Amino acid sequence: MTFFDSGFLALGNILFVIGIILIIGPQRTITFFTRPTKIRGTVFFGLGILLILMKRSFIGFIIESFGILGLFGDFFGTIVTFLRSIPYIGDVLSNPLIAPTIDRLAGVNTLPV
């Protein structure tokens, strides 16, 4: 019932941004969010937060999700590589039927050329 509660989502967004600032520092946070390749993600993330604050929780959540994918999509390969080192999850992700699809979605083992 409270999954799309605007108060909880707004609090989570504020704590997320504060956490990033505390982890990497204010200057690097500004540099990360204002990179030319990340501007679209930053705009969608900010618009999503604004919509959540305006009590449009579901639409704001969807738009913010696109922003998070735009901002942090480069890290999916690292996350999948880390998850493969966990005992039971790694077995599932390394399954020959699932591994090629996961690798393609996360961008693991792809050449940048």
Protein backbone atom coordinates (compact mmCIF):
# COMPACT_ATOMS: atom_id res chain seq x y z
CA MET A 1 0.00 0.00 0.00
CA THR A 2 2.81 2.46 0.78
CA PHE A 3 5.15 1.46 -2.05
CA PHE A 4 4.38 4.61 -4.04
CA ASP A 5 3.91 6.88 -1.03
CA SER A 6 5.35 10.23 -2.07
CA GLY A 7 6.73 10.98 1.38
CA PHE A 8 8.74 7.75 1.52
CA LEU A 9 9.98 8.16 -2.05
CA ALA A 10 11.01 11.77 -1.42
CA LEU A 11 12.84 10.76 1.77
CA GLY A 12 14.58 7.94 -0.09
CA ASN A 13 15.65 10.29 -2.88
CA ILE A 14 17.05 12.83 -0.44
CA LEU A 15 18.95 10.16 1.47
CA PHE A 16 20.25 8.66 -1.79
CA VAL A 17 21.65 11.98 -2.99
CA ILE A 18 23.13 12.76 0.44
CA GLY A 19 24.71 9.29 0.49
CA ILE A 20 26.37 9.87 -2.88
CA ILE A 21 27.69 13.21 -1.68
CA LEU A 22 29.07 11.64 1.51
CA ILE A 23 30.68 8.72 -0.34
CA ILE A 24 32.40 10.48 -3.25
CA GLY A 25 32.39 14.10 -2.10
CA PRO A 26 30.53 17.19 -3.29
CA GLN A 27 32.87 18.14 -6.14
CA ARG A 28 32.92 14.66 -7.66
CA THR A 29 29.15 14.39 -7.27
CA ILE A 30 28.65 17.60 -9.23
CA THR A 31 31.17 16.41 -11.82
CA PHE A 32 29.40 13.04 -12.13
CA PHE A 33 25.91 14.48 -12.57
CA THR A 34 27.02 17.18 -15.04
CA ARG A 35 29.05 15.04 -17.44
CA PRO A 36 27.86 15.51 -21.02
CA THR A 37 27.12 11.78 -21.33
CA LYS A 38 25.04 11.82 -18.12
CA ILE A 39 22.97 14.96 -18.69
CA ARG A 40 19.91 13.06 -19.96
CA GLY A 41 19.97 10.79 -16.91
CA THR A 42 20.37 13.78 -14.59
CA VAL A 43 17.40 15.56 -16.18
CA PHE A 44 15.17 12.49 -15.91
CA PHE A 45 16.30 11.82 -12.33
CA GLY A 46 15.64 15.43 -11.31
CA LEU A 47 12.29 15.53 -13.11
CA GLY A 48 11.29 12.30 -11.38
CA ILE A 49 12.18 13.75 -7.97
CA LEU A 50 10.23 16.91 -8.81
CA LEU A 51 7.16 14.88 -9.83
CA ILE A 52 7.37 12.84 -6.64
CA LEU A 53 7.49 16.03 -4.59
CA MET A 54 4.42 17.24 -6.52
CA LYS A 55 2.51 14.07 -5.41
CA ARG A 56 2.72 12.34 -8.83
CA SER A 57 4.45 9.31 -7.32
CA PHE A 58 3.93 6.64 -9.96
CA ILE A 59 4.86 8.78 -12.96
CA GLY A 60 7.76 10.30 -11.03
CA PHE A 61 9.02 6.85 -10.08
CA ILE A 62 8.96 5.66 -13.70
CA ILE A 63 10.77 8.77 -14.99
CA GLU A 64 13.27 8.61 -12.13
CA SER A 65 13.96 4.95 -12.97
CA PHE A 66 14.95 5.96 -16.51
CA GLY A 67 17.23 8.58 -15.00
CA ILE A 68 18.89 6.03 -12.73
CA LEU A 69 19.45 3.75 -15.71
CA GLY A 70 21.01 6.64 -17.61
CA LEU A 71 23.22 7.65 -14.70
CA PHE A 72 24.28 4.28 -13.33
CA GLY A 73 23.84 1.95 -16.31
CA ASP A 74 27.62 1.75 -16.79
CA PHE A 75 27.94 -0.04 -13.45
CA PHE A 76 25.73 -3.03 -14.36
CA GLY A 77 28.66 -5.03 -15.73
CA THR A 78 30.54 -4.58 -12.47
CA ILE A 79 27.46 -5.53 -10.46
CA VAL A 80 26.91 -8.72 -12.48
CA THR A 81 30.57 -9.65 -12.10
CA PHE A 82 30.29 -9.16 -8.34
CA LEU A 83 27.04 -11.15 -8.14
CA ARG A 84 28.70 -14.07 -9.92
CA SER A 85 31.13 -14.36 -7.00
CA ILE A 86 28.27 -14.96 -4.53
CA PRO A 87 27.72 -18.71 -4.02
CA TYR A 88 24.09 -19.41 -5.04
CA ILE A 89 23.39 -16.33 -7.12
CA GLY A 90 26.63 -16.86 -9.07
CA ASP A 91 25.57 -20.38 -9.99
CA VAL A 92 22.32 -19.08 -11.46
CA LEU A 93 23.96 -16.18 -13.32
CA SER A 94 26.70 -18.44 -14.70
CA ASN A 95 24.21 -21.00 -16.04
CA PRO A 96 24.96 -21.53 -19.76
CA LEU A 97 21.31 -20.86 -20.64
CA ILE A 98 21.11 -17.56 -18.73
CA ALA A 99 24.68 -16.20 -18.89
CA PRO A 100 24.67 -14.93 -22.53
CA THR A 101 21.46 -12.95 -21.98
CA ILE A 102 22.69 -11.45 -18.69
CA ASP A 103 26.04 -10.57 -20.29
CA ARG A 104 24.32 -8.84 -23.21
CA LEU A 105 21.95 -6.86 -20.96
CA ALA A 106 24.67 -5.81 -18.50
CA GLY A 107 27.31 -5.12 -21.14
CA VAL A 108 29.76 -7.68 -19.80
CA ASN A 109 32.49 -8.83 -22.21
CA THR A 110 31.54 -6.37 -24.91
CA LEU A 111 34.15 -4.55 -26.87
CA PRO A 112 33.89 -0.77 -26.97
CA VAL A 113 34.74 -0.65 -30.67
